[in-house]
Amino acid sequence: MGNVWNVRSRGRRGGGFGRTVAGLTVAVAVLTGCGPSVLDESADTATVVVGAGDGVASELLARIYAGALAGSGTRTELRTGLGDRAGYLAALDAAEVTLVPDYTGRLLRYFAPAAPDTDAEDVFEALARSLPEDLSITDYAAAQDRSMLVVSDATAERLGTTELTGILGRCGELTVTVTAGFETNDGLRDLAERGCVPGRVEEGDGDVALRAATQEGSAAALTTTSVVARDAPGVALEDAPDRAPGTGPEDGTVTEPPVFTAQNVVPVFRKHALGERQLEALSLVAGELTTADLAEMLGRIDGGEDSAAVAQAWLTEHV
């Protein structure tokens, strides 16, 4: 028996927990051979340790998942400061933590560096196939930290487009100032794989990038939850949309994939460590958390608010 894909339907805002393990549409966990299910009845009574890396977003997301699990009646612990992606994945591998939050695209490039997928569903499925045997994933949220390009109104008018695909053949005319998040997302690689090689690339933080983008012939390379992206002047070039879940070439649906790789929030956990009750709690987060929510919360923390209080306020309203 080959790889078996366990699936849960993707609810959004109020959709609740709508997946069944028997489904076979979208990969959630890759089980090798004919072993037991990703679900473990005894896991319902175990303590779940939620881990987080050193970043603000990682800790915020860990607090949200930990709070949702606690709200389901699960004994939950939070362990923060686990370092970079390699650090917190090592803690997960060593069973020091049960679950960590991350982003689908970054995880896919970590486990399968050559993966070409950019569409949200394709990235999710490829990630499920690429995970180590002892790890699983479940519902991803609509919230993501995807790469984006912002140009001035004058630059968009000169290029004659507000769409990302419309500039791919003219990237040599642009100076692109890239931020750290854009680099983490391999944004330049995404552009290059669609034939877009900027005439010049510079580095800077969000404020520097936005100032540069006000100049004719320049672009700011940001991510969708970066603090400066919320109030960015000019034009955020529109990428191609992700395909709808359950559609694709197999049903005759052929669409142009997005340029930038999907970066949806997703929980990664040790296989057999969670029961149905815990998966329901994770699905509630997936059904409610949006990019706007995440960007707003990160902005509040950047402004000095406590991450625990920000996470709890979101949980109170949504879960």
C-alpha atoms as a PDB file:
ATOM      1  CA  MET A   1       0.000   0.000   0.000  1.00  0.00           C
ATOM      2  CA  GLY A   2       1.408   3.374  -0.974  1.00  0.00           C
ATOM      3  CA  ASN A   3       0.959   6.790   0.594  1.00  0.00           C
ATOM      4  CA  VAL A   4      -2.491   7.366   2.078  1.00  0.00           C
ATOM      5  CA  TRP A   5      -3.780  10.947   2.335  1.00  0.00           C
ATOM      6  CA  ASN A   6      -6.091  11.696   5.242  1.00  0.00           C
ATOM      7  CA  VAL A   7      -8.330  14.652   4.581  1.00  0.00           C
ATOM      8  CA  ARG A   8     -10.551  17.135   6.332  1.00  0.00           C
ATOM      9  CA  SER A   9     -12.752  19.625   4.460  1.00  0.00           C
ATOM     10  CA  ARG A  10     -11.680  23.228   4.619  1.00  0.00           C
ATOM     11  CA  GLY A  11     -14.212  25.296   6.591  1.00  0.00           C
ATOM     12  CA  ARG A  12     -14.015  29.101   6.619  1.00  0.00           C
ATOM     13  CA  ARG A  13     -15.436  31.489   9.235  1.00  0.00           C
ATOM     14  CA  GLY A  14     -18.052  29.535  11.103  1.00  0.00           C
ATOM     15  CA  GLY A  15     -17.511  26.400   9.006  1.00  0.00           C
ATOM     16  CA  GLY A  16     -16.279  24.534  12.045  1.00  0.00           C
ATOM     17  CA  PHE A  17     -14.738  21.089  11.915  1.00  0.00           C
ATOM     18  CA  GLY A  18     -15.994  19.573   8.688  1.00  0.00           C
ATOM     19  CA  ARG A  19     -13.375  17.065   7.617  1.00  0.00           C
ATOM     20  CA  THR A  20     -13.586  13.314   7.755  1.00  0.00           C
ATOM     21  CA  VAL A  21     -10.539  11.107   7.973  1.00  0.00           C
ATOM     22  CA  ALA A  22     -11.872   8.824   5.272  1.00  0.00           C
ATOM     23  CA  GLY A  23     -11.884  11.540   2.581  1.00  0.00           C
ATOM     24  CA  LEU A  24      -9.368  11.447  -0.255  1.00  0.00           C
ATOM     25  CA  THR A  25      -9.269  14.880  -1.836  1.00  0.00           C
ATOM     26  CA  VAL A  26      -6.544  16.992  -0.267  1.00  0.00           C
ATOM     27  CA  ALA A  27      -3.538  15.660   1.613  1.00  0.00           C
ATOM     28  CA  VAL A  28      -3.436  16.370   5.324  1.00  0.00           C
ATOM     29  CA  ALA A  29      -1.119  13.680   6.573  1.00  0.00           C
ATOM     30  CA  VAL A  30       0.994  11.211   4.656  1.00  0.00           C
ATOM     31  CA  LEU A  31       0.936   7.792   6.252  1.00  0.00           C
ATOM     32  CA  THR A  32       3.461   5.280   4.973  1.00  0.00           C
ATOM     33  CA  GLY A  33       2.302   1.714   4.457  1.00  0.00           C
ATOM     34  CA  CYS A  34      -0.850   0.514   6.180  1.00  0.00           C
ATOM     35  CA  GLY A  35      -0.139   1.828   9.656  1.00  0.00           C
ATOM     36  CA  PRO A  36      -2.619   3.318  12.125  1.00  0.00           C
ATOM     37  CA  SER A  37      -4.545   6.531  11.621  1.00  0.00           C
ATOM     38  CA  VAL A  38      -3.095   9.944  12.414  1.00  0.00           C
ATOM     39  CA  LEU A  39      -5.742  10.120  15.131  1.00  0.00           C
ATOM     40  CA  ASP A  40      -5.044   8.571  18.534  1.00  0.00           C
ATOM     41  CA  GLU A  41      -7.905   8.216  20.987  1.00  0.00           C
ATOM     42  CA  SER A  42      -5.541   8.306  23.973  1.00  0.00           C
ATOM     43  CA  ALA A  43      -4.186  11.655  22.781  1.00  0.00           C
ATOM     44  CA  ASP A  44      -7.381  13.368  23.973  1.00  0.00           C
ATOM     45  CA  THR A  45      -6.140  13.145  27.557  1.00  0.00           C
ATOM     46  CA  ALA A  46      -2.441  13.924  26.981  1.00  0.00           C
ATOM     47  CA  THR A  47      -0.775  17.291  27.581  1.00  0.00           C
ATOM     48  CA  VAL A  48      -0.044  19.128  24.327  1.00  0.00           C
ATOM     49  CA  VAL A  49       3.116  21.228  24.321  1.00  0.00           C
ATOM     50  CA  VAL A  50       2.914  24.017  21.741  1.00  0.00           C
ATOM     51  CA  GLY A  51       6.281  25.377  20.649  1.00  0.00           C
ATOM     52  CA  ALA A  52       7.311  28.700  19.095  1.00  0.00           C
ATOM     53  CA  GLY A  53      10.437  30.096  17.533  1.00  0.00           C
ATOM     54  CA  ASP A  54      12.079  33.391  18.399  1.00  0.00           C
ATOM     55  CA  GLY A  55       9.937  35.568  16.139  1.00  0.00           C
ATOM     56  CA  VAL A  56       6.933  37.640  17.200  1.00  0.00           C
ATOM     57  CA  ALA A  57       4.616  35.961  14.682  1.00  0.00           C
ATOM     58  CA  SER A  58       5.691  32.485  15.756  1.00  0.00           C
ATOM     59  CA  GLU A  59       4.931  33.224  19.396  1.00  0.00           C
ATOM     60  CA  LEU A  60       1.605  34.878  18.591  1.00  0.00           C
ATOM     61  CA  LEU A  61       0.446  31.930  16.485  1.00  0.00           C
ATOM     62  CA  ALA A  62       1.610  29.463  19.147  1.00  0.00           C
ATOM     63  CA  ARG A  63      -0.444  31.342  21.741  1.00  0.00           C
ATOM     64  CA  ILE A  64      -3.492  31.223  19.481  1.00  0.00           C
ATOM     65  CA  TYR A  65      -3.217  27.480  18.866  1.00  0.00           C
ATOM     66  CA  ALA A  66      -2.441  26.801  22.537  1.00  0.00           C
ATOM     67  CA  GLY A  67      -5.460  28.879  23.590  1.00  0.00           C
ATOM     68  CA  ALA A  68      -7.761  27.073  21.177  1.00  0.00           C
ATOM     69  CA  LEU A  69      -6.556  23.710  22.445  1.00  0.00           C
ATOM     70  CA  ALA A  70      -6.989  24.790  26.064  1.00  0.00           C
ATOM     71  CA  GLY A  71     -10.501  25.950  25.239  1.00  0.00           C
ATOM     72  CA  SER A  72     -11.307  22.428  24.054  1.00  0.00           C
ATOM     73  CA  GLY A  73     -10.412  21.062  27.477  1.00  0.00           C
ATOM     74  CA  THR A  74      -6.899  19.949  26.544  1.00  0.00           C
ATOM     75  CA  ARG A  75      -4.075  20.346  29.036  1.00  0.00           C
ATOM     76  CA  THR A  76      -1.707  22.682  27.227  1.00  0.00           C
ATOM     77  CA  GLU A  77       1.787  24.043  27.776  1.00  0.00           C
ATOM     78  CA  LEU A  78       3.546  26.774  25.804  1.00  0.00           C
ATOM     79  CA  ARG A  79       7.275  26.688  25.115  1.00  0.00           C
ATOM     80  CA  THR A  80       8.746  29.749  23.381  1.00  0.00           C
ATOM     81  CA  GLY A  81      12.204  30.873  22.295  1.00  0.00           C
ATOM     82  CA  LEU A  82      13.055  27.716  20.351  1.00  0.00           C
ATOM     83  CA  GLY A  83      15.160  29.553  17.795  1.00  0.00           C
ATOM     84  CA  ASP A  84      14.780  29.525  14.026  1.00  0.00           C
ATOM     85  CA  ARG A  85      12.868  27.008  11.891  1.00  0.00           C
ATOM     86  CA  ALA A  86      15.597  24.407  12.239  1.00  0.00           C
ATOM     87  CA  GLY A  87      15.507  24.871  16.018  1.00  0.00           C
ATOM     88  CA  TYR A  88      11.797  24.437  16.603  1.00  0.00           C
ATOM     89  CA  LEU A  89      11.511  21.613  14.078  1.00  0.00           C
ATOM     90  CA  ALA A  90      14.355  19.858  15.902  1.00  0.00           C
ATOM     91  CA  ALA A  91      12.398  20.243  19.144  1.00  0.00           C
ATOM     92  CA  LEU A  92       9.363  18.769  17.399  1.00  0.00           C
ATOM     93  CA  ASP A  93      11.431  15.895  16.021  1.00  0.00           C
ATOM     94  CA  ALA A  94      12.830  15.183  19.492  1.00  0.00           C
ATOM     95  CA  ALA A  95       9.289  15.180  20.965  1.00  0.00           C
ATOM     96  CA  GLU A  96      10.168  18.104  23.220  1.00  0.00           C
ATOM     97  CA  VAL A  97       7.073  19.809  21.828  1.00  0.00           C
ATOM     98  CA  THR A  98       3.911  18.372  20.298  1.00  0.00           C
ATOM     99  CA  LEU A  99       2.986  21.080  17.798  1.00  0.00           C
ATOM    100  CA  VAL A 100       4.449  24.195  16.205  1.00  0.00           C
ATOM    101  CA  PRO A 101       2.798  26.743  13.902  1.00  0.00           C
ATOM    102  CA  ASP A 102       4.452  27.715  10.638  1.00  0.00           C
ATOM    103  CA  TYR A 103       3.734  28.735   7.046  1.00  0.00           C
ATOM    104  CA  THR A 104       3.046  26.213   4.284  1.00  0.00           C
ATOM    105  CA  GLY A 105       5.411  27.607   1.656  1.00  0.00           C
ATOM    106  CA  ARG A 106       8.372  28.096   3.972  1.00  0.00           C
ATOM    107  CA  LEU A 107       7.945  24.586   5.327  1.00  0.00           C
ATOM    108  CA  LEU A 108       7.720  23.139   1.834  1.00  0.00           C
ATOM    109  CA  ARG A 109      10.944  24.842   0.762  1.00  0.00           C
ATOM    110  CA  TYR A 110      12.586  23.608   3.990  1.00  0.00           C
ATOM    111  CA  PHE A 111      11.698  19.953   3.399  1.00  0.00           C
ATOM    112  CA  ALA A 112      11.700  20.020  -0.424  1.00  0.00           C
ATOM    113  CA  PRO A 113      13.891  22.932  -1.586  1.00  0.00           C
ATOM    114  CA  ALA A 114      13.300  22.322  -5.286  1.00  0.00           C
ATOM    115  CA  ALA A 115       9.494  22.222  -5.023  1.00  0.00           C
ATOM    116  CA  PRO A 116       7.974  24.483  -7.734  1.00  0.00           C
ATOM    117  CA  ASP A 117       4.456  24.787  -6.303  1.00  0.00           C
ATOM    118  CA  THR A 118       2.974  28.225  -5.599  1.00  0.00           C
ATOM    119  CA  ASP A 119      -0.818  27.678  -5.433  1.00  0.00           C
ATOM    120  CA  ALA A 120      -2.161  27.266  -1.884  1.00  0.00           C
ATOM    121  CA  GLU A 121      -3.690  23.831  -2.424  1.00  0.00           C
ATOM    122  CA  ASP A 122      -0.687  22.590  -4.414  1.00  0.00           C
ATOM    123  CA  VAL A 123       1.716  23.813  -1.745  1.00  0.00           C
ATOM    124  CA  PHE A 124      -0.342  22.141   0.980  1.00  0.00           C
ATOM    125  CA  GLU A 125      -0.466  18.819  -0.856  1.00  0.00           C
ATOM    126  CA  ALA A 126       3.241  18.925  -1.721  1.00  0.00           C
ATOM    127  CA  LEU A 127       4.078  19.738   1.900  1.00  0.00           C
ATOM    128  CA  ALA A 128       2.033  16.781   3.131  1.00  0.00           C
ATOM    129  CA  ARG A 129       4.013  14.491   0.816  1.00  0.00           C
ATOM    130  CA  SER A 130       7.333  16.027   1.883  1.00  0.00           C
ATOM    131  CA  LEU A 131       6.984  15.820   5.662  1.00  0.00           C
ATOM    132  CA  PRO A 132       9.091  13.373   7.669  1.00  0.00           C
ATOM    133  CA  GLU A 133       7.205  10.206   8.494  1.00  0.00           C
ATOM    134  CA  ASP A 134       6.576  11.170  12.124  1.00  0.00           C
ATOM    135  CA  LEU A 135       4.998  14.568  11.375  1.00  0.00           C
ATOM    136  CA  SER A 136       1.521  15.572  10.209  1.00  0.00           C
ATOM    137  CA  ILE A 137      -0.412  18.692   9.250  1.00  0.00           C
ATOM    138  CA  THR A 138      -4.070  19.595   9.253  1.00  0.00           C
ATOM    139  CA  ASP A 139      -6.215  22.527   8.034  1.00  0.00           C
ATOM    140  CA  TYR A 140      -4.341  25.615   6.916  1.00  0.00           C
ATOM    141  CA  ALA A 141      -5.826  29.020   7.649  1.00  0.00           C
ATOM    142  CA  ALA A 142      -6.698  31.703   5.129  1.00  0.00           C
ATOM    143  CA  ALA A 143      -4.157  33.860   6.980  1.00  0.00           C
ATOM    144  CA  GLN A 144      -0.817  33.995   5.234  1.00  0.00           C
ATOM    145  CA  ASP A 145       2.372  36.004   5.002  1.00  0.00           C
ATOM    146  CA  ARG A 146       2.783  35.896   1.238  1.00  0.00           C
ATOM    147  CA  SER A 147       5.230  37.946  -0.778  1.00  0.00           C
ATOM    148  CA  MET A 148       3.970  41.066  -2.536  1.00  0.00           C
ATOM    149  CA  LEU A 149       5.276  43.932  -4.660  1.00  0.00           C
ATOM    150  CA  VAL A 150       4.225  47.551  -4.205  1.00  0.00           C
ATOM    151  CA  VAL A 151       4.915  50.256  -6.791  1.00  0.00           C
ATOM    152  CA  SER A 152       3.994  53.912  -7.025  1.00  0.00           C
ATOM    153  CA  ASP A 153       0.934  55.046  -8.955  1.00  0.00           C
ATOM    154  CA  ALA A 154       3.256  56.601 -11.536  1.00  0.00           C
ATOM    155  CA  THR A 155       5.175  53.352 -12.030  1.00  0.00           C
ATOM    156  CA  ALA A 156       1.966  51.346 -12.403  1.00  0.00           C
ATOM    157  CA  GLU A 157       0.670  53.867 -14.947  1.00  0.00           C
ATOM    158  CA  ARG A 158       3.901  53.716 -16.936  1.00  0.00           C
ATOM    159  CA  LEU A 159       3.885  49.919 -16.926  1.00  0.00           C
ATOM    160  CA  GLY A 160       0.222  49.937 -17.898  1.00  0.00           C
ATOM    161  CA  THR A 161      -0.849  47.340 -15.331  1.00  0.00           C
ATOM    162  CA  THR A 162      -1.766  46.759 -11.711  1.00  0.00           C
ATOM    163  CA  GLU A 163      -1.284  42.995 -12.012  1.00  0.00           C
ATOM    164  CA  LEU A 164       1.875  41.135 -11.100  1.00  0.00           C
ATOM    165  CA  THR A 165       1.827  39.009 -14.228  1.00  0.00           C
ATOM    166  CA  GLY A 166       1.689  42.193 -16.288  1.00  0.00           C
ATOM    167  CA  ILE A 167       5.193  43.262 -15.242  1.00  0.00           C
ATOM    168  CA  LEU A 168       6.973  39.910 -15.574  1.00  0.00           C
ATOM    169  CA  GLY A 169       8.468  40.779 -18.933  1.00  0.00           C
ATOM    170  CA  ARG A 170       9.581  44.236 -17.774  1.00  0.00           C
ATOM    171  CA  CYS A 171      11.239  43.526 -14.429  1.00  0.00           C
ATOM    172  CA  GLY A 172      14.564  44.660 -15.821  1.00  0.00           C
ATOM    173  CA  GLU A 173      13.170  48.208 -15.700  1.00  0.00           C
ATOM    174  CA  LEU A 174      12.661  48.030 -11.922  1.00  0.00           C
ATOM    175  CA  THR A 175      14.821  48.518  -8.866  1.00  0.00           C
ATOM    176  CA  VAL A 176      13.381  46.245  -6.176  1.00  0.00           C
ATOM    177  CA  THR A 177      14.060  46.837  -2.478  1.00  0.00           C
ATOM    178  CA  VAL A 178      13.581  43.540  -0.662  1.00  0.00           C
ATOM    179  CA  THR A 179      12.736  43.095   3.013  1.00  0.00           C
ATOM    180  CA  ALA A 180      13.827  40.228   5.254  1.00  0.00           C
ATOM    181  CA  GLY A 181      10.415  38.559   5.096  1.00  0.00           C
ATOM    182  CA  PHE A 182      10.417  38.662   1.304  1.00  0.00           C
ATOM    183  CA  GLU A 183      13.824  37.002   1.293  1.00  0.00           C
ATOM    184  CA  THR A 184      12.643  34.351   3.767  1.00  0.00           C
ATOM    185  CA  ASN A 185       9.813  33.572   1.363  1.00  0.00           C
ATOM    186  CA  ASP A 186      12.253  33.126  -1.549  1.00  0.00           C
ATOM    187  CA  GLY A 187      10.395  35.925  -3.295  1.00  0.00           C
ATOM    188  CA  LEU A 188      13.202  36.649  -5.744  1.00  0.00           C
ATOM    189  CA  ARG A 189      13.303  32.978  -6.696  1.00  0.00           C
ATOM    190  CA  ASP A 190       9.551  33.025  -7.329  1.00  0.00           C
ATOM    191  CA  LEU A 191       9.986  36.016  -9.620  1.00  0.00           C
ATOM    192  CA  ALA A 192      12.962  34.493 -11.430  1.00  0.00           C
ATOM    193  CA  GLU A 193      11.062  31.268 -12.090  1.00  0.00           C
ATOM    194  CA  ARG A 194       8.501  33.335 -13.996  1.00  0.00           C
ATOM    195  CA  GLY A 195      11.179  35.172 -15.966  1.00  0.00           C
ATOM    196  CA  CYS A 196      11.257  38.275 -13.783  1.00  0.00           C
ATOM    197  CA  VAL A 197      14.775  39.444 -12.952  1.00  0.00           C
ATOM    198  CA  PRO A 198      14.870  42.985 -11.539  1.00  0.00           C
ATOM    199  CA  GLY A 199      17.344  45.398 -13.052  1.00  0.00           C
ATOM    200  CA  ARG A 200      18.660  46.089  -9.556  1.00  0.00           C
ATOM    201  CA  VAL A 201      18.046  44.571  -6.134  1.00  0.00           C
ATOM    202  CA  GLU A 202      18.604  46.413  -2.872  1.00  0.00           C
ATOM    203  CA  GLU A 203      17.930  45.429   0.740  1.00  0.00           C
ATOM    204  CA  GLY A 204      16.152  47.392   3.444  1.00  0.00           C
ATOM    205  CA  ASP A 205      13.540  47.263   6.157  1.00  0.00           C
ATOM    206  CA  GLY A 206       9.902  47.980   5.436  1.00  0.00           C
ATOM    207  CA  ASP A 207      10.156  51.742   5.811  1.00  0.00           C
ATOM    208  CA  VAL A 208      13.178  51.900   3.510  1.00  0.00           C
ATOM    209  CA  ALA A 209      11.434  49.721   0.945  1.00  0.00           C
ATOM    210  CA  LEU A 210       8.302  51.877   0.961  1.00  0.00           C
ATOM    211  CA  ARG A 211      10.297  55.078   0.560  1.00  0.00           C
ATOM    212  CA  ALA A 212      12.072  53.507  -2.385  1.00  0.00           C
ATOM    213  CA  ALA A 213       8.773  52.455  -3.939  1.00  0.00           C
ATOM    214  CA  THR A 214       7.592  56.063  -4.121  1.00  0.00           C
ATOM    215  CA  GLN A 215      10.278  56.645  -6.735  1.00  0.00           C
ATOM    216  CA  GLU A 216       9.557  56.061 -10.395  1.00  0.00           C
ATOM    217  CA  GLY A 217      10.845  52.671 -11.545  1.00  0.00           C
ATOM    218  CA  SER A 218      11.152  51.206  -8.048  1.00  0.00           C
ATOM    219  CA  ALA A 219       9.220  48.523  -6.150  1.00  0.00           C
ATOM    220  CA  ALA A 220       8.964  47.508  -2.500  1.00  0.00           C
ATOM    221  CA  ALA A 221       9.162  43.752  -1.912  1.00  0.00           C
ATOM    222  CA  LEU A 222       7.122  43.090   1.252  1.00  0.00           C
ATOM    223  CA  THR A 223       4.959  40.374   2.783  1.00  0.00           C
ATOM    224  CA  THR A 224       1.245  40.569   3.422  1.00  0.00           C
ATOM    225  CA  THR A 225       1.395  40.722   7.233  1.00  0.00           C
ATOM    226  CA  SER A 226       4.318  43.122   7.513  1.00  0.00           C
ATOM    227  CA  VAL A 227       3.406  46.176   9.550  1.00  0.00           C
ATOM    228  CA  VAL A 228       4.149  48.642   6.753  1.00  0.00           C
ATOM    229  CA  ALA A 229       2.112  46.694   4.191  1.00  0.00           C
ATOM    230  CA  ARG A 230      -1.161  47.701   5.848  1.00  0.00           C
ATOM    231  CA  ASP A 231      -0.700  51.389   5.065  1.00  0.00           C
ATOM    232  CA  ALA A 232       1.488  51.118   1.999  1.00  0.00           C
ATOM    233  CA  PRO A 233       0.919  53.964  -0.481  1.00  0.00           C
ATOM    234  CA  GLY A 234       0.808  53.241  -4.174  1.00  0.00           C
ATOM    235  CA  VAL A 235      -0.304  50.016  -5.841  1.00  0.00           C
ATOM    236  CA  ALA A 236       0.064  46.482  -4.492  1.00  0.00           C
ATOM    237  CA  LEU A 237       0.427  44.467  -7.685  1.00  0.00           C
ATOM    238  CA  GLU A 238      -2.279  41.813  -7.766  1.00  0.00           C
ATOM    239  CA  ASP A 239      -1.110  38.202  -8.055  1.00  0.00           C
ATOM    240  CA  ALA A 240      -3.129  35.440  -9.724  1.00  0.00           C
ATOM    241  CA  PRO A 241      -5.648  33.897  -7.297  1.00  0.00           C
ATOM    242  CA  ASP A 242      -5.250  30.468  -5.766  1.00  0.00           C
ATOM    243  CA  ARG A 243      -7.518  27.818  -7.230  1.00  0.00           C
ATOM    244  CA  ALA A 244     -10.569  26.856  -5.227  1.00  0.00           C
ATOM    245  CA  PRO A 245     -10.188  23.752  -3.037  1.00  0.00           C
ATOM    246  CA  GLY A 246     -11.287  20.630  -4.876  1.00  0.00           C
ATOM    247  CA  THR A 247     -10.679  22.067  -8.349  1.00  0.00           C
ATOM    248  CA  GLY A 248      -7.799  21.510 -10.733  1.00  0.00           C
ATOM    249  CA  PRO A 249      -6.716  19.845 -13.977  1.00  0.00           C
ATOM    250  CA  GLU A 250      -8.431  16.606 -12.943  1.00  0.00           C
ATOM    251  CA  ASP A 251     -11.843  18.289 -13.279  1.00  0.00           C
ATOM    252  CA  GLY A 252     -10.886  20.389 -16.294  1.00  0.00           C
ATOM    253  CA  THR A 253     -10.077  23.543 -14.304  1.00  0.00           C
ATOM    254  CA  VAL A 254      -6.873  25.080 -15.633  1.00  0.00           C
ATOM    255  CA  THR A 255      -5.757  28.390 -14.176  1.00  0.00           C
ATOM    256  CA  GLU A 256      -2.537  30.350 -14.148  1.00  0.00           C
ATOM    257  CA  PRO A 257      -0.769  29.698 -10.832  1.00  0.00           C
ATOM    258  CA  PRO A 258       0.197  32.611  -8.594  1.00  0.00           C
ATOM    259  CA  VAL A 259       3.698  34.010  -8.975  1.00  0.00           C
ATOM    260  CA  PHE A 260       4.405  34.050  -5.254  1.00  0.00           C
ATOM    261  CA  THR A 261       4.332  30.887  -3.170  1.00  0.00           C
ATOM    262  CA  ALA A 262       1.434  30.477  -0.754  1.00  0.00           C
ATOM    263  CA  GLN A 263       2.404  31.029   2.889  1.00  0.00           C
ATOM    264  CA  ASN A 264      -0.696  29.939   4.794  1.00  0.00           C
ATOM    265  CA  VAL A 265      -0.558  29.450   8.544  1.00  0.00           C
ATOM    266  CA  VAL A 266      -0.562  25.743   9.367  1.00  0.00           C
ATOM    267  CA  PRO A 267      -0.001  23.635  12.507  1.00  0.00           C
ATOM    268  CA  VAL A 268       2.634  20.898  12.289  1.00  0.00           C
ATOM    269  CA  PHE A 269       2.410  18.181  14.909  1.00  0.00           C
ATOM    270  CA  ARG A 270       3.728  14.776  15.853  1.00  0.00           C
ATOM    271  CA  LYS A 271       1.776  11.964  14.248  1.00  0.00           C
ATOM    272  CA  HIS A 272      -0.609  10.140  16.608  1.00  0.00           C
ATOM    273  CA  ALA A 273      -0.166  12.904  19.205  1.00  0.00           C
ATOM    274  CA  LEU A 274      -3.597  14.519  18.731  1.00  0.00           C
ATOM    275  CA  GLY A 275      -7.102  13.177  19.062  1.00  0.00           C
ATOM    276  CA  GLU A 276     -10.334  14.253  17.407  1.00  0.00           C
ATOM    277  CA  ARG A 277     -11.003  16.912  20.030  1.00  0.00           C
ATOM    278  CA  GLN A 278      -7.629  18.566  19.435  1.00  0.00           C
ATOM    279  CA  LEU A 279      -8.046  18.491  15.655  1.00  0.00           C
ATOM    280  CA  GLU A 280     -11.432  20.146  16.022  1.00  0.00           C
ATOM    281  CA  ALA A 281      -9.787  22.969  17.975  1.00  0.00           C
ATOM    282  CA  LEU A 282      -7.113  23.426  15.316  1.00  0.00           C
ATOM    283  CA  SER A 283      -9.791  23.476  12.624  1.00  0.00           C
ATOM    284  CA  LEU A 284     -11.621  26.276  14.432  1.00  0.00           C
ATOM    285  CA  VAL A 285      -8.508  28.444  14.167  1.00  0.00           C
ATOM    286  CA  ALA A 286      -8.138  27.544  10.487  1.00  0.00           C
ATOM    287  CA  GLY A 287     -11.723  28.539   9.816  1.00  0.00           C
ATOM    288  CA  GLU A 288     -11.413  31.942  11.457  1.00  0.00           C
ATOM    289  CA  LEU A 289      -7.898  33.351  11.153  1.00  0.00           C
ATOM    290  CA  THR A 290      -7.447  35.725   8.211  1.00  0.00           C
ATOM    291  CA  THR A 291      -4.487  37.661   6.854  1.00  0.00           C
ATOM    292  CA  ALA A 292      -6.127  40.889   8.012  1.00  0.00           C
ATOM    293  CA  ASP A 293      -6.509  39.445  11.513  1.00  0.00           C
ATOM    294  CA  LEU A 294      -2.871  38.386  11.674  1.00  0.00           C
ATOM    295  CA  ALA A 295      -1.557  41.669  10.270  1.00  0.00           C
ATOM    296  CA  GLU A 296      -3.676  43.665  12.720  1.00  0.00           C
ATOM    297  CA  MET A 297      -2.483  41.627  15.705  1.00  0.00           C
ATOM    298  CA  LEU A 298       1.168  41.907  14.685  1.00  0.00           C
ATOM    299  CA  GLY A 299       0.706  45.656  14.307  1.00  0.00           C
ATOM    300  CA  ARG A 300      -0.661  45.900  17.837  1.00  0.00           C
ATOM    301  CA  ILE A 301       2.288  43.950  19.225  1.00  0.00           C
ATOM    302  CA  ASP A 302       4.682  46.133  17.238  1.00  0.00           C
ATOM    303  CA  GLY A 303       2.967  49.081  18.902  1.00  0.00           C
ATOM    304  CA  GLY A 304       3.784  47.746  22.352  1.00  0.00           C
ATOM    305  CA  GLU A 305       0.873  45.491  23.313  1.00  0.00           C
ATOM    306  CA  ASP A 306       1.509  42.140  24.998  1.00  0.00           C
ATOM    307  CA  SER A 307       1.288  39.135  22.649  1.00  0.00           C
ATOM    308  CA  ALA A 308      -0.575  37.033  25.224  1.00  0.00           C
ATOM    309  CA  ALA A 309      -3.275  39.698  25.602  1.00  0.00           C
ATOM    310  CA  VAL A 310      -3.556  40.172  21.831  1.00  0.00           C
ATOM    311  CA  ALA A 311      -3.911  36.427  21.244  1.00  0.00           C
ATOM    312  CA  GLN A 312      -6.505  36.078  24.008  1.00  0.00           C
ATOM    313  CA  ALA A 313      -8.576  38.936  22.605  1.00  0.00           C
ATOM    314  CA  TRP A 314      -8.680  37.221  19.206  1.00  0.00           C
ATOM    315  CA  LEU A 315      -9.572  33.866  20.761  1.00  0.00           C
ATOM    316  CA  THR A 316     -12.385  35.429  22.785  1.00  0.00           C
ATOM    317  CA  GLU A 317     -13.919  36.920  19.660  1.00  0.00           C
ATOM    318  CA  HIS A 318     -13.412  34.051  17.215  1.00  0.00           C
ATOM    319  CA  VAL A 319     -13.039  30.650  18.857  1.00  0.00           C
END
